[in-house]
C-alpha atoms as a PDB file:
ATOM      1  CA  MET A   1      72.870 -13.252 128.149  1.00  0.00           C
ATOM      2  CA  LEU A   2      71.518 -16.749 130.041  1.00  0.00           C
ATOM      3  CA  GLN A   3      73.629 -19.587 128.817  1.00  0.00           C
ATOM      4  CA  LEU A   4      72.399 -22.867 128.046  1.00  0.00           C
ATOM      5  CA  GLY A   5      74.241 -24.384 131.013  1.00  0.00           C
ATOM      6  CA  LEU A   6      72.326 -22.467 133.567  1.00  0.00           C
ATOM      7  CA  THR A   7      71.880 -24.980 136.433  1.00  0.00           C
ATOM      8  CA  GLY A   8      68.245 -25.699 137.069  1.00  0.00           C
ATOM      9  CA  SER A   9      67.767 -23.336 140.177  1.00  0.00           C
ATOM     10  CA  ALA A  10      69.597 -20.657 138.502  1.00  0.00           C
ATOM     11  CA  TRP A  11      66.761 -20.567 136.012  1.00  0.00           C
ATOM     12  CA  ALA A  12      64.529 -21.107 138.268  1.00  0.00           C
ATOM     13  CA  LEU A  13      65.357 -17.849 139.752  1.00  0.00           C
ATOM     14  CA  VAL A  14      65.555 -15.505 136.833  1.00  0.00           C
ATOM     15  CA  GLU A  15      62.514 -17.154 135.390  1.00  0.00           C
ATOM     16  CA  SER A  16      60.719 -16.533 138.570  1.00  0.00           C
ATOM     17  CA  ILE A  17      61.370 -12.761 138.523  1.00  0.00           C
ATOM     18  CA  GLN A  18      60.717 -12.419 134.671  1.00  0.00           C
ATOM     19  CA  ALA A  19      57.636 -14.044 135.369  1.00  0.00           C
ATOM     20  CA  ARG A  20      56.901 -11.746 137.728  1.00  0.00           C
ATOM     21  CA  ARG A  21      57.367  -8.744 136.043  1.00  0.00           C
ATOM     22  CA  ARG A  22      55.707  -9.984 133.192  1.00  0.00           C
ATOM     23  CA  ARG A  23      52.201 -10.690 135.536  1.00  0.00           C
ATOM     24  CA  ALA A  24      52.784  -7.018 136.633  1.00  0.00           C
ATOM     25  CA  GLN A  25      52.553  -5.373 133.876  1.00  0.00           C
ATOM     26  CA  ALA A  26      49.802  -7.168 132.535  1.00  0.00           C
ATOM     27  CA  ALA A  27      46.249  -5.991 131.794  1.00  0.00           C
ATOM     28  CA  ALA A  28      43.459  -7.798 132.655  1.00  0.00           C
ATOM     29  CA  VAL A  29      41.901 -10.719 130.478  1.00  0.00           C
ATOM     30  CA  PRO A  30      38.536  -9.175 128.497  1.00  0.00           C
ATOM     31  CA  ALA A  31      35.938 -11.055 128.781  1.00  0.00           C
ATOM     32  CA  ASP A  32      33.633 -11.441 125.489  1.00  0.00           C
ATOM     33  CA  ALA A  33      30.317 -12.299 125.674  1.00  0.00           C
ATOM     34  CA  ARG A  34      29.970 -14.960 123.042  1.00  0.00           C
ATOM     35  CA  GLU A  35      32.123 -17.335 125.066  1.00  0.00           C
ATOM     36  CA  ARG A  36      29.190 -18.708 127.914  1.00  0.00           C
ATOM     37  CA  ARG A  37      31.580 -21.805 129.027  1.00  0.00           C
ATOM     38  CA  LEU A  38      34.457 -19.427 130.036  1.00  0.00           C
ATOM     39  CA  ALA A  39      34.503 -17.309 133.371  1.00  0.00           C
ATOM     40  CA  ASN A  40      37.401 -15.668 134.943  1.00  0.00           C
ATOM     41  CA  LEU A  41      39.560 -16.197 132.585  1.00  0.00           C
ATOM     42  CA  ARG A  42      43.389 -15.515 133.281  1.00  0.00           C
ATOM     43  CA  GLN A  43      46.399 -15.337 131.283  1.00  0.00           C
ATOM     44  CA  LEU A  44      49.810 -17.522 132.882  1.00  0.00           C
ATOM     45  CA  THR A  45      52.338 -16.338 129.910  1.00  0.00           C
ATOM     46  CA  PHE A  46      53.497 -13.598 128.964  1.00  0.00           C
ATOM     47  CA  GLY A  47      55.556 -13.915 125.564  1.00  0.00           C
ATOM     48  CA  GLY A  48      56.894 -17.004 123.751  1.00  0.00           C
ATOM     49  CA  GLN A  49      55.197 -19.927 122.233  1.00  0.00           C
ATOM     50  CA  ASN A  50      53.808 -21.718 125.201  1.00  0.00           C
ATOM     51  CA  ALA A  51      52.045 -24.539 123.883  1.00  0.00           C
ATOM     52  CA  GLU A  52      50.746 -27.471 125.342  1.00  0.00           C
ATOM     53  CA  ALA A  53      50.091 -26.937 129.368  1.00  0.00           C
ATOM     54  CA  TYR A  54      48.531 -29.822 130.644  1.00  0.00           C
ATOM     55  CA  PHE A  55      47.182 -30.072 134.856  1.00  0.00           C
ATOM     56  CA  ASP A  56      48.842 -32.740 137.251  1.00  0.00           C
ATOM     57  CA  TRP A  57      46.280 -34.505 139.212  1.00  0.00           C
ATOM     58  CA  THR A  58      45.640 -31.885 141.320  1.00  0.00           C
ATOM     59  CA  GLY A  59      45.211 -29.389 139.379  1.00  0.00           C
ATOM     60  CA  THR A  60      47.351 -26.718 141.072  1.00  0.00           C
ATOM     61  CA  ARG A  61      50.832 -27.690 138.795  1.00  0.00           C
ATOM     62  CA  LEU A  62      51.161 -27.500 134.708  1.00  0.00           C
ATOM     63  CA  VAL A  63      53.516 -28.301 132.805  1.00  0.00           C
ATOM     64  CA  PHE A  64      54.306 -27.257 129.293  1.00  0.00           C
ATOM     65  CA  GLN A  65      56.374 -26.705 126.212  1.00  0.00           C
ATOM     66  CA  SER A  66      58.026 -23.079 125.389  1.00  0.00           C
ATOM     67  CA  THR A  67      60.626 -21.672 123.019  1.00  0.00           C
ATOM     68  CA  ARG A  68      61.979 -18.720 125.300  1.00  0.00           C
ATOM     69  CA  PRO A  69      65.520 -17.628 125.643  1.00  0.00           C
ATOM     70  CA  PRO A  70      67.974 -18.963 125.545  1.00  0.00           C
ATOM     71  CA  PHE A  71      66.586 -21.772 124.020  1.00  0.00           C
ATOM     72  CA  GLY A  72      65.853 -22.381 120.355  1.00  0.00           C
ATOM     73  CA  CYS A  73      62.906 -24.514 120.182  1.00  0.00           C
ATOM     74  CA  ASP A  74      61.121 -26.044 123.083  1.00  0.00           C
ATOM     75  CA  GLN A  75      62.102 -26.705 126.400  1.00  0.00           C
ATOM     76  CA  ILE A  76      59.386 -28.482 129.318  1.00  0.00           C
ATOM     77  CA  PHE A  77      59.071 -26.474 131.524  1.00  0.00           C
ATOM     78  CA  THR A  78      56.406 -26.633 134.900  1.00  0.00           C
ATOM     79  CA  MET A  79      54.426 -23.697 136.758  1.00  0.00           C
ATOM     80  CA  ARG A  80      51.694 -23.525 139.639  1.00  0.00           C
ATOM     81  CA  ALA A  81      48.338 -22.788 138.064  1.00  0.00           C
ATOM     82  CA  ASP A  82      48.174 -19.098 138.878  1.00  0.00           C
ATOM     83  CA  GLY A  83      51.802 -18.628 136.362  1.00  0.00           C
ATOM     84  CA  GLY A  84      54.539 -18.566 138.833  1.00  0.00           C
ATOM     85  CA  ASP A  85      57.629 -20.723 140.068  1.00  0.00           C
ATOM     86  CA  VAL A  86      58.208 -21.300 136.320  1.00  0.00           C
ATOM     87  CA  ARG A  87      61.141 -24.482 136.593  1.00  0.00           C
ATOM     88  CA  LEU A  88      62.972 -25.186 133.461  1.00  0.00           C
ATOM     89  CA  VAL A  89      62.579 -29.595 134.073  1.00  0.00           C
ATOM     90  CA  SER A  90      63.651 -31.000 130.200  1.00  0.00           C
ATOM     91  CA  THR A  91      67.616 -31.255 129.629  1.00  0.00           C
ATOM     92  CA  GLY A  92      67.965 -27.664 127.798  1.00  0.00           C
ATOM     93  CA  LYS A  93      68.649 -29.951 124.780  1.00  0.00           C
ATOM     94  CA  GLY A  94      67.114 -30.646 121.332  1.00  0.00           C
ATOM     95  CA  ARG A  95      63.996 -30.447 120.593  1.00  0.00           C
ATOM     96  CA  THR A  96      60.817 -31.528 123.311  1.00  0.00           C
ATOM     97  CA  THR A  97      57.789 -32.206 123.147  1.00  0.00           C
ATOM     98  CA  CYS A  98      53.590 -33.241 124.590  1.00  0.00           C
ATOM     99  CA  ALA A  99      54.344 -33.822 128.611  1.00  0.00           C
ATOM    100  CA  PHE A 100      52.565 -34.753 130.868  1.00  0.00           C
ATOM    101  CA  PHE A 101      52.290 -36.005 134.651  1.00  0.00           C
ATOM    102  CA  PHE A 102      52.424 -39.108 136.684  1.00  0.00           C
ATOM    103  CA  PRO A 103      49.537 -39.209 139.389  1.00  0.00           C
ATOM    104  CA  ASP A 104      52.013 -38.594 142.367  1.00  0.00           C
ATOM    105  CA  GLY A 105      53.148 -35.385 140.739  1.00  0.00           C
ATOM    106  CA  ARG A 106      56.898 -35.869 141.206  1.00  0.00           C
ATOM    107  CA  ARG A 107      57.385 -37.129 138.038  1.00  0.00           C
ATOM    108  CA  ILE A 108      56.550 -36.333 134.431  1.00  0.00           C
ATOM    109  CA  ILE A 109      56.752 -38.160 130.688  1.00  0.00           C
ATOM    110  CA  TYR A 110      58.112 -36.055 127.952  1.00  0.00           C
ATOM    111  CA  ALA A 111      59.706 -36.769 123.821  1.00  0.00           C
ATOM    112  CA  SER A 112      62.986 -35.454 122.976  1.00  0.00           C
ATOM    113  CA  THR A 113      65.623 -35.670 120.168  1.00  0.00           C
ATOM    114  CA  HIS A 114      68.211 -34.701 122.636  1.00  0.00           C
ATOM    115  CA  LEU A 115      69.783 -38.073 121.947  1.00  0.00           C
ATOM    116  CA  GLY A 116      70.231 -37.408 118.299  1.00  0.00           C
ATOM    117  CA  ALA A 117      71.355 -34.346 118.676  1.00  0.00           C
ATOM    118  CA  PRO A 118      71.794 -31.663 121.513  1.00  0.00           C
ATOM    119  CA  GLU A 119      70.378 -28.945 119.108  1.00  0.00           C
ATOM    120  CA  CYS A 120      67.348 -28.072 117.354  1.00  0.00           C
ATOM    121  CA  PRO A 121      66.837 -30.298 114.574  1.00  0.00           C
ATOM    122  CA  VAL A 122      66.268 -28.993 111.440  1.00  0.00           C
ATOM    123  CA  ALA A 123      62.790 -27.254 110.793  1.00  0.00           C
ATOM    124  CA  PRO A 124      60.722 -28.619 108.170  1.00  0.00           C
ATOM    125  CA  ASP A 125      60.770 -27.898 104.109  1.00  0.00           C
ATOM    126  CA  ARG A 126      57.787 -25.460 104.004  1.00  0.00           C
ATOM    127  CA  SER A 127      57.807 -25.721 100.511  1.00  0.00           C
ATOM    128  CA  GLN A 128      55.074 -28.090 100.070  1.00  0.00           C
ATOM    129  CA  GLY A 129      53.203 -25.783 102.741  1.00  0.00           C
ATOM    130  CA  TYR A 130      52.306 -26.226 106.070  1.00  0.00           C
ATOM    131  CA  VAL A 131      53.926 -29.772 107.285  1.00  0.00           C
ATOM    132  CA  TRP A 132      53.822 -31.168 110.720  1.00  0.00           C
ATOM    133  CA  PRO A 133      57.892 -32.473 111.311  1.00  0.00           C
ATOM    134  CA  ILE A 134      57.967 -36.310 112.473  1.00  0.00           C
ATOM    135  CA  TYR A 135      61.319 -36.136 113.711  1.00  0.00           C
ATOM    136  CA  ARG A 136      62.890 -39.929 113.872  1.00  0.00           C
ATOM    137  CA  SER A 137      64.894 -38.910 116.774  1.00  0.00           C
ATOM    138  CA  TYR A 138      62.836 -38.891 119.377  1.00  0.00           C
ATOM    139  CA  GLU A 139      62.341 -40.736 122.226  1.00  0.00           C
ATOM    140  CA  ILE A 140      60.106 -40.856 125.386  1.00  0.00           C
ATOM    141  CA  PHE A 141      61.682 -40.353 128.674  1.00  0.00           C
ATOM    142  CA  ALA A 142      60.563 -40.064 132.442  1.00  0.00           C
ATOM    143  CA  ALA A 143      61.812 -37.651 134.493  1.00  0.00           C
ATOM    144  CA  ASP A 144      61.747 -37.216 138.506  1.00  0.00           C
ATOM    145  CA  LEU A 145      60.988 -33.394 139.469  1.00  0.00           C
ATOM    146  CA  ASP A 146      62.776 -33.306 142.621  1.00  0.00           C
ATOM    147  CA  THR A 147      66.076 -35.686 141.148  1.00  0.00           C
ATOM    148  CA  GLY A 148      66.331 -34.663 137.740  1.00  0.00           C
ATOM    149  CA  ALA A 149      66.919 -38.129 136.850  1.00  0.00           C
ATOM    150  CA  LEU A 150      65.863 -38.858 133.376  1.00  0.00           C
ATOM    151  CA  THR A 151      65.174 -42.497 131.895  1.00  0.00           C
ATOM    152  CA  ARG A 152      64.038 -43.387 128.858  1.00  0.00           C
ATOM    153  CA  LEU A 153      61.018 -45.003 128.196  1.00  0.00           C
ATOM    154  CA  THR A 154      61.733 -46.006 124.198  1.00  0.00           C
ATOM    155  CA  HIS A 155      63.619 -47.692 122.214  1.00  0.00           C
ATOM    156  CA  ASN A 156      63.510 -47.425 118.971  1.00  0.00           C
ATOM    157  CA  ASP A 157      65.258 -45.938 115.175  1.00  0.00           C
ATOM    158  CA  GLY A 158      61.802 -43.823 114.814  1.00  0.00           C
ATOM    159  CA  TYR A 159      59.415 -41.493 116.061  1.00  0.00           C
ATOM    160  CA  ASP A 160      58.241 -42.093 119.699  1.00  0.00           C
ATOM    161  CA  ALA A 161      56.384 -38.852 120.848  1.00  0.00           C
ATOM    162  CA  GLU A 162      52.781 -37.357 121.697  1.00  0.00           C
ATOM    163  CA  GLY A 163      52.657 -39.756 125.350  1.00  0.00           C
ATOM    164  CA  ALA A 164      50.140 -39.327 127.627  1.00  0.00           C
ATOM    165  CA  VAL A 165      49.944 -41.140 131.496  1.00  0.00           C
ATOM    166  CA  ALA A 166      46.548 -42.999 132.397  1.00  0.00           C
ATOM    167  CA  PRO A 167      44.725 -42.468 135.335  1.00  0.00           C
ATOM    168  CA  ASP A 168      46.228 -45.187 137.290  1.00  0.00           C
ATOM    169  CA  GLY A 169      49.708 -44.541 136.518  1.00  0.00           C
ATOM    170  CA  ARG A 170      50.181 -47.615 134.987  1.00  0.00           C
ATOM    171  CA  ARG A 171      50.225 -47.193 131.432  1.00  0.00           C
ATOM    172  CA  ILE A 172      51.170 -44.832 128.634  1.00  0.00           C
ATOM    173  CA  VAL A 173      49.896 -44.168 125.445  1.00  0.00           C
ATOM    174  CA  PHE A 174      51.235 -42.720 122.683  1.00  0.00           C
ATOM    175  CA  THR A 175      52.009 -42.406 118.698  1.00  0.00           C
ATOM    176  CA  SER A 176      55.087 -44.094 117.140  1.00  0.00           C
ATOM    177  CA  LEU A 177      56.418 -45.150 113.768  1.00  0.00           C
ATOM    178  CA  ARG A 178      57.805 -48.387 114.678  1.00  0.00           C
ATOM    179  CA  GLU A 179      55.891 -50.277 112.305  1.00  0.00           C
ATOM    180  CA  GLY A 180      56.063 -48.274 108.807  1.00  0.00           C
ATOM    181  CA  ASP A 181      52.747 -46.330 109.891  1.00  0.00           C
ATOM    182  CA  LEU A 182      51.657 -43.666 112.715  1.00  0.00           C
ATOM    183  CA  ASP A 183      49.447 -45.658 115.157  1.00  0.00           C
ATOM    184  CA  LEU A 184      48.846 -45.174 119.049  1.00  0.00           C
ATOM    185  CA  TYR A 185      50.517 -47.974 121.010  1.00  0.00           C
ATOM    186  CA  THR A 186      50.632 -48.112 125.007  1.00  0.00           C
ATOM    187  CA  MET A 187      53.186 -49.442 127.007  1.00  0.00           C
ATOM    188  CA  ASP A 188      53.559 -49.833 130.937  1.00  0.00           C
ATOM    189  CA  ALA A 189      54.924 -46.875 133.046  1.00  0.00           C
ATOM    190  CA  ASP A 190      59.012 -48.753 132.486  1.00  0.00           C
ATOM    191  CA  GLY A 191      58.670 -48.947 129.097  1.00  0.00           C
ATOM    192  CA  GLY A 192      57.463 -52.594 129.127  1.00  0.00           C
ATOM    193  CA  HIS A 193      54.889 -54.441 127.623  1.00  0.00           C
ATOM    194  CA  VAL A 194      54.087 -52.498 124.252  1.00  0.00           C
ATOM    195  CA  ARG A 195      51.256 -52.913 122.503  1.00  0.00           C
ATOM    196  CA  ARG A 196      49.710 -51.816 119.637  1.00  0.00           C
ATOM    197  CA  LEU A 197      45.743 -50.060 119.605  1.00  0.00           C
ATOM    198  CA  THR A 198      45.401 -48.852 116.241  1.00  0.00           C
ATOM    199  CA  GLU A 199      45.538 -50.606 112.566  1.00  0.00           C
ATOM    200  CA  GLY A 200      44.377 -48.222 109.944  1.00  0.00           C
ATOM    201  CA  ILE A 201      46.784 -46.262 107.572  1.00  0.00           C
ATOM    202  CA  GLY A 202      46.876 -42.815 108.103  1.00  0.00           C
ATOM    203  CA  TYR A 203      48.061 -41.012 111.469  1.00  0.00           C
ATOM    204  CA  ASP A 204      46.511 -41.574 114.657  1.00  0.00           C
ATOM    205  CA  GLY A 205      48.153 -39.178 116.908  1.00  0.00           C
ATOM    206  CA  GLY A 206      47.540 -36.578 119.972  1.00  0.00           C
ATOM    207  CA  PRO A 207      45.880 -39.861 122.364  1.00  0.00           C
ATOM    208  CA  PHE A 208      44.871 -39.187 125.724  1.00  0.00           C
ATOM    209  CA  PHE A 209      43.581 -41.072 128.430  1.00  0.00           C
ATOM    210  CA  SER A 210      39.852 -40.225 130.140  1.00  0.00           C
ATOM    211  CA  TRP A 211      40.006 -39.183 133.647  1.00  0.00           C
ATOM    212  CA  ASP A 212      37.568 -42.525 134.161  1.00  0.00           C
ATOM    213  CA  GLY A 213      41.112 -44.461 132.714  1.00  0.00           C
ATOM    214  CA  ARG A 214      38.176 -46.268 130.393  1.00  0.00           C
ATOM    215  CA  HIS A 215      38.377 -44.455 127.358  1.00  0.00           C
ATOM    216  CA  ILE A 216      41.242 -43.094 124.922  1.00  0.00           C
ATOM    217  CA  VAL A 217      40.623 -39.905 122.238  1.00  0.00           C
ATOM    218  CA  PHE A 218      42.746 -39.079 119.652  1.00  0.00           C
ATOM    219  CA  ARG A 219      42.678 -37.434 116.112  1.00  0.00           C
ATOM    220  CA  ALA A 220      43.340 -39.267 112.983  1.00  0.00           C
ATOM    221  CA  ALA A 221      43.748 -38.522 109.561  1.00  0.00           C
ATOM    222  CA  ARG A 222      42.598 -41.505 106.877  1.00  0.00           C
ATOM    223  CA  PRO A 223      43.467 -40.724 103.807  1.00  0.00           C
ATOM    224  CA  ALA A 224      40.663 -41.951 100.733  1.00  0.00           C
ATOM    225  CA  PRO A 225      43.182 -44.168  98.310  1.00  0.00           C
ATOM    226  CA  GLY A 226      44.202 -42.685  95.549  1.00  0.00           C
ATOM    227  CA  VAL A 227      45.670 -39.086  95.725  1.00  0.00           C
ATOM    228  CA  ASP A 228      45.386 -38.340  99.468  1.00  0.00           C
ATOM    229  CA  LEU A 229      46.952 -42.063 100.220  1.00  0.00           C
ATOM    230  CA  ASP A 230      49.894 -41.566  97.946  1.00  0.00           C
ATOM    231  CA  GLU A 231      50.538 -38.030  99.592  1.00  0.00           C
ATOM    232  CA  TYR A 232      50.445 -39.259 103.031  1.00  0.00           C
ATOM    233  CA  ARG A 233      52.738 -41.773 102.178  1.00  0.00           C
ATOM    234  CA  SER A 234      55.155 -39.551  99.929  1.00  0.00           C
ATOM    235  CA  LEU A 235      55.002 -36.773 102.887  1.00  0.00           C
ATOM    236  CA  LEU A 236      55.463 -39.471 105.563  1.00  0.00           C
ATOM    237  CA  GLY A 237      58.674 -40.308 103.824  1.00  0.00           C
ATOM    238  CA  GLN A 238      59.948 -37.389 104.209  1.00  0.00           C
ATOM    239  CA  SER A 239      58.978 -37.927 107.918  1.00  0.00           C
ATOM    240  CA  LEU A 240      56.463 -34.649 107.424  1.00  0.00           C
ATOM    241  CA  VAL A 241      52.358 -34.928 107.797  1.00  0.00           C
ATOM    242  CA  ARG A 242      49.658 -32.686 106.441  1.00  0.00           C
ATOM    243  CA  PRO A 243      46.880 -31.713 108.606  1.00  0.00           C
ATOM    244  CA  ARG A 244      44.437 -30.605 106.549  1.00  0.00           C
ATOM    245  CA  ARG A 245      41.696 -32.565 107.997  1.00  0.00           C
ATOM    246  CA  LEU A 246      41.853 -34.673 110.732  1.00  0.00           C
ATOM    247  CA  GLU A 247      38.718 -35.983 112.823  1.00  0.00           C
ATOM    248  CA  ILE A 248      38.259 -36.970 116.464  1.00  0.00           C
ATOM    249  CA  PHE A 249      37.727 -40.307 117.900  1.00  0.00           C
ATOM    250  CA  TYR A 250      37.656 -42.555 120.686  1.00  0.00           C
ATOM    251  CA  MET A 251      38.092 -45.919 121.449  1.00  0.00           C
ATOM    252  CA  ARG A 252      38.351 -48.348 125.202  1.00  0.00           C
ATOM    253  CA  THR A 253      41.255 -48.559 126.459  1.00  0.00           C
ATOM    254  CA  ASP A 254      42.493 -52.141 124.789  1.00  0.00           C
ATOM    255  CA  GLY A 255      41.283 -50.511 121.389  1.00  0.00           C
ATOM    256  CA  SER A 256      38.268 -51.933 120.452  1.00  0.00           C
ATOM    257  CA  GLY A 257      34.852 -49.947 120.008  1.00  0.00           C
ATOM    258  CA  LEU A 258      36.124 -47.519 118.124  1.00  0.00           C
ATOM    259  CA  THR A 259      34.573 -44.200 117.758  1.00  0.00           C
ATOM    260  CA  GLN A 260      34.449 -41.365 115.046  1.00  0.00           C
ATOM    261  CA  VAL A 261      33.026 -38.461 116.536  1.00  0.00           C
ATOM    262  CA  THR A 262      33.519 -35.527 113.917  1.00  0.00           C
ATOM    263  CA  ARG A 263      32.516 -35.901 110.415  1.00  0.00           C
ATOM    264  CA  ASN A 264      33.364 -31.881 109.423  1.00  0.00           C
ATOM    265  CA  GLY A 265      36.641 -32.757 106.803  1.00  0.00           C
ATOM    266  CA  ALA A 266      38.033 -29.771 109.097  1.00  0.00           C
ATOM    267  CA  ALA A 267      41.333 -29.707 110.849  1.00  0.00           C
ATOM    268  CA  ASN A 268      40.133 -31.394 114.770  1.00  0.00           C
ATOM    269  CA  PHE A 269      42.660 -31.970 116.818  1.00  0.00           C
ATOM    270  CA  ALA A 270      44.035 -31.757 120.246  1.00  0.00           C
ATOM    271  CA  PRO A 271      40.968 -33.233 121.654  1.00  0.00           C
ATOM    272  CA  PHE A 272      40.959 -34.071 125.899  1.00  0.00           C
ATOM    273  CA  MET A 273      37.648 -35.396 127.304  1.00  0.00           C
ATOM    274  CA  HIS A 274      35.910 -33.759 130.489  1.00  0.00           C
ATOM    275  CA  PRO A 275      35.582 -35.754 133.674  1.00  0.00           C
ATOM    276  CA  ASP A 276      31.828 -36.450 133.140  1.00  0.00           C
ATOM    277  CA  SER A 277      33.845 -38.639 129.800  1.00  0.00           C
ATOM    278  CA  ARG A 278      30.271 -37.550 127.738  1.00  0.00           C
ATOM    279  CA  GLN A 279      32.117 -33.637 126.637  1.00  0.00           C
ATOM    280  CA  ILE A 280      34.997 -33.701 124.379  1.00  0.00           C
ATOM    281  CA  VAL A 281      36.648 -30.047 124.068  1.00  0.00           C
ATOM    282  CA  PHE A 282      39.282 -29.698 121.026  1.00  0.00           C
ATOM    283  CA  SER A 283      40.382 -27.023 118.524  1.00  0.00           C
ATOM    284  CA  SER A 284      39.165 -26.913 115.092  1.00  0.00           C
ATOM    285  CA  ASN A 285      39.039 -24.557 111.646  1.00  0.00           C
ATOM    286  CA  LEU A 286      36.029 -25.735 110.731  1.00  0.00           C
ATOM    287  CA  HIS A 287      34.288 -22.277 110.615  1.00  0.00           C
ATOM    288  CA  ASP A 288      36.898 -20.496 108.555  1.00  0.00           C
ATOM    289  CA  PRO A 289      36.831 -21.286 105.013  1.00  0.00           C
ATOM    290  CA  SER A 290      40.430 -20.828 104.796  1.00  0.00           C
ATOM    291  CA  GLY A 291      41.330 -22.971 107.352  1.00  0.00           C
ATOM    292  CA  ARG A 292      44.018 -20.417 108.738  1.00  0.00           C
ATOM    293  CA  SER A 293      42.057 -19.928 112.122  1.00  0.00           C
ATOM    294  CA  PHE A 294      41.355 -22.174 115.215  1.00  0.00           C
ATOM    295  CA  SER A 295      39.312 -21.735 117.852  1.00  0.00           C
ATOM    296  CA  LEU A 296      37.706 -24.086 120.949  1.00  0.00           C
ATOM    297  CA  TYR A 297      35.111 -26.886 120.561  1.00  0.00           C
ATOM    298  CA  ARG A 298      32.552 -29.085 123.008  1.00  0.00           C
ATOM    299  CA  VAL A 299      31.350 -31.771 121.220  1.00  0.00           C
ATOM    300  CA  ASP A 300      29.045 -34.447 123.082  1.00  0.00           C
ATOM    301  CA  ALA A 301      31.287 -38.072 122.608  1.00  0.00           C
ATOM    302  CA  ASP A 302      28.425 -38.890 120.235  1.00  0.00           C
ATOM    303  CA  GLY A 303      28.860 -36.310 117.682  1.00  0.00           C
ATOM    304  CA  GLY A 304      26.150 -34.176 118.950  1.00  0.00           C
ATOM    305  CA  GLY A 305      25.623 -30.739 120.492  1.00  0.00           C
ATOM    306  CA  LEU A 306      28.667 -29.259 118.388  1.00  0.00           C
ATOM    307  CA  GLU A 307      28.936 -25.659 120.368  1.00  0.00           C
ATOM    308  CA  ARG A 308      31.994 -22.854 119.476  1.00  0.00           C
ATOM    309  CA  LEU A 309      33.689 -21.826 122.544  1.00  0.00           C
ATOM    310  CA  THR A 310      36.345 -19.232 121.686  1.00  0.00           C
ATOM    311  CA  TRP A 311      36.198 -16.595 119.291  1.00  0.00           C
ATOM    312  CA  ALA A 312      38.848 -13.769 120.966  1.00  0.00           C
ATOM    313  CA  GLU A 313      41.800 -15.053 118.761  1.00  0.00           C
ATOM    314  CA  SER A 314      42.846 -16.178 116.050  1.00  0.00           C
ATOM    315  CA  PHE A 315      44.678 -19.507 117.406  1.00  0.00           C
ATOM    316  CA  ALA A 316      43.223 -21.095 120.488  1.00  0.00           C
ATOM    317  CA  SER A 317      44.149 -25.061 121.057  1.00  0.00           C
ATOM    318  CA  PHE A 318      45.690 -27.576 123.357  1.00  0.00           C
ATOM    319  CA  PRO A 319      42.532 -27.509 125.648  1.00  0.00           C
ATOM    320  CA  MET A 320      42.382 -29.759 129.331  1.00  0.00           C
ATOM    321  CA  PHE A 321      39.828 -30.152 132.174  1.00  0.00           C
ATOM    322  CA  SER A 322      41.374 -30.052 135.542  1.00  0.00           C
ATOM    323  CA  ARG A 323      40.092 -33.903 136.953  1.00  0.00           C
ATOM    324  CA  ASP A 324      37.467 -31.841 138.801  1.00  0.00           C
ATOM    325  CA  GLY A 325      36.193 -30.598 135.911  1.00  0.00           C
ATOM    326  CA  ARG A 326      35.966 -27.107 137.050  1.00  0.00           C
ATOM    327  CA  GLN A 327      38.262 -25.860 135.408  1.00  0.00           C
ATOM    328  CA  LEU A 328      39.864 -25.450 131.829  1.00  0.00           C
ATOM    329  CA  VAL A 329      43.425 -24.651 130.236  1.00  0.00           C
ATOM    330  CA  PHE A 330      44.195 -24.056 126.804  1.00  0.00           C
ATOM    331  CA  CYS A 331      47.036 -21.984 124.901  1.00  0.00           C
ATOM    332  CA  SER A 332      45.756 -18.906 123.016  1.00  0.00           C
ATOM    333  CA  ASN A 333      47.209 -16.441 120.635  1.00  0.00           C
ATOM    334  CA  ARG A 334      44.491 -13.405 122.310  1.00  0.00           C
ATOM    335  CA  GLY A 335      46.480 -10.333 123.055  1.00  0.00           C
ATOM    336  CA  ALA A 336      49.733 -11.671 121.518  1.00  0.00           C
ATOM    337  CA  ARG A 337      52.532  -9.511 121.620  1.00  0.00           C
ATOM    338  CA  ALA A 338      54.825 -10.386 118.430  1.00  0.00           C
ATOM    339  CA  PRO A 339      53.018 -12.301 115.538  1.00  0.00           C
ATOM    340  CA  ARG A 340      54.131 -15.979 116.706  1.00  0.00           C
ATOM    341  CA  ASP A 341      54.028 -15.620 120.555  1.00  0.00           C
ATOM    342  CA  LEU A 342      51.179 -17.625 121.903  1.00  0.00           C
ATOM    343  CA  ASP A 343      50.315 -17.941 125.642  1.00  0.00           C
ATOM    344  CA  ILE A 344      48.781 -19.856 127.989  1.00  0.00           C
ATOM    345  CA  PHE A 345      44.885 -19.152 129.842  1.00  0.00           C
ATOM    346  CA  ILE A 346      43.318 -20.571 132.493  1.00  0.00           C
ATOM    347  CA  ALA A 347      39.069 -20.521 132.971  1.00  0.00           C
ATOM    348  CA  ASP A 348      36.253 -21.492 134.940  1.00  0.00           C
ATOM    349  CA  TRP A 349      34.743 -24.164 133.122  1.00  0.00           C
ATOM    350  CA  LEU A 350      30.980 -23.083 133.399  1.00  0.00           C
END
């Protein structure tokens, strides 16, 4: 049985063999006639919980998080955009999330709890319903993919995560609890010059720069005064967030020009802008009165032209366009072999 002490190269070899075997056993992804924006759909992972797969600047590699043996919670991996050459690039300790490439392709950022403890943090108490954990031990790190050198970028007794790198490689946008609420901030690529971008009470998270570097698109929950606000503050005091109602917003990279895109009261999250800076893809449960299933949607930045993109699964999310806009990568449970499996898919964008 594999152990946590397995070296990166040995891990890469084992994983490469396993990946080849999994691909050899995989069937072709069946097309769904309703998914008219997607063509040449391919499945890149086969088993486990794989999420938040994001392209590098060339579109030839992906960085993603995965819970797979021998790890008990998410670690960060890279792979080619054809699913090959899977490599562990995080420490193997703690829980990690939200990785993203620098433009040079040699470095990534990700958030990790490993400085708090080497074990996986305790999962949230679901007796209060479905909630997201806001682990205070999350800090953001930059990792050199060639040397493995790790540089700590945030130093804050609170939640720092959900980071993405600007197209010029000079700034990072992220979510932080450092001033008592979950707001968006930017910092220099070395962690300096931290600047707050959002002010409204509520959860602002999941930010990404547009490919032209002019805008930031994100999800936000703005609880109304009264019961909603009281619940938000009570859960935040327990390091929890309930993602029941999230809307899509975008703004300029200095925090000005805040614009609300969706207004449907559903759980809309994981937005990403097309390189044309006009279209936004995101995940939503707006089609499901029970709120339990999620599909990908496309909407114009002005809120018009809403269009459902995926139909063949009960959960689809974390979409990202390649820099040339010709491909879309996302995560889905379509064809899952086990109830909790989540895999990575890539398609040509039409």
